[in-house]
Amino acid sequence: MHLSDTQIFFLLTILKIVVVLVITLTSVAYTVLLERKLIGLMQNRWGPSRTGPFGLLQPLADGIKLFLKEDLMPLAVERPLFVLAPMIALACALVSIAVVPFGSLTVYHGVDLFEISDVNIGLLVILGITSIGVYGIALSGWASNNKYSLLGSLRASAQIVSYELALGLSLVGVVLRAQSLRLRDIVNSQAAHGALSWNILGGPAREHTAHGTVWVIAGGFQLLGFFIYLMAAYAETNRAPFDLPEAESELVAGYHTEYSSMKFAMFFMAEYANMITVACVATLMFFGGASSPFGHLFPYVGGHTAQIIEMALLPIFWFVLKIFAFIFLYIWVRSTLPRFRYDQLMSFGWKFLLPMAMLNILITSLVLAFHG
């Protein structure tokens, strides 16, 4: 049976969505295991080691346990919103992956195989969708009819709104350099000279012209922007040392105190899916996305088919490696630093990160105007 281009486009798009969703949910499960193992090693203990070889089946056991647990529903909750809140949180965490280019541009029958949707305002789409996720947290605290839950959701709402400004502004320098909000364009602007072209590094690189070899400034010198993004990302995802909304010593478990079974699991999955999204954005904006750190220094080897496979698979390897490094940093910070006081958290966001983000935009604009 001969399929039309429209049918091929539709089938490939459905296949991409299913594959990316499965990989993302599997990554979420094993990010939890990775965190438990790494924190165990940092605290001189084993971590999960009994379920399956080396504890590799622990996420499956946890999922079965949460699925089979009793789903408790307190009498005084606002039932529709109580049920809807974790769905909003998880949906917003997963949908934003749709605009992330996780490999090199590989087109088959007009379909980009390594990006679900190539949107020319991809960065704004991610920021917009992830900012809606706060509604899930706010509604969960209010609908639970619990003082601890309400305090946790209020803290989360204030924290996310405060740090969202710094996070958004920290990326403006990268957008100014790339002259585009399309994520593929931002990645391509960092691919010319390998790691020297990455926005976080910057530095001299040789460029061959008709008049000989000249040295040019390759990267974007966005080290300050990356530092601001990193701090704001920790706060946006409610991770230590900014995990005030679910501070166990003060608020029991914060906004998900009254949740159990799969509703709690959805909040838990949303948190780790947001970690992966934040790692993807950091990789795309500051570390060259799926581009190689060596640039074109090492050519592809083998025959034509082998080169095609290398060109398709190697960028995915680099992308996953960068995300892994970012998540490792996340876990390392959690196991090392103590929790902030709430007044310190708000002061750090408004009095330090926000002015620094505006300063970064000013400096980047002046440098681009001077070299333009």
Foldseek 3Di string as FASTA:
>chain_A
DDDDLVVVQVVLLVVLLVVLVVVLLVCLLVLVQVLQQVLQVVVVHGGQQPDPHRNPCVSVVVQVVLQPDDWDDDPQFPPVLLQCLLVLLLVLLPVLQQQFQLAAQDDDSRDRNRHSDFDQQSQVSNLVSLLSSLSSQCSLLVRNPDPLQNVLSVLLNVLQVLLSLLLVLLLVLLCVQQVTNGLNSSLVLQQAAAQCQFQCHWDWDWDQDPVGIDIDTRYNNSVLSLVLNLVSLCSSLCAPLNVVSQPCVPRVGHNCPSGGRVSVVSNSSSSSSSLLVSLSVCCSRGVSRLHHNRRCPDPQDDDPVSNVCCNGPSSSVSNVVSSVVSSVVRSVRRSPDHHDDSVVSSCCSPVPSNVSSVVSSVVSVVVVVVVD
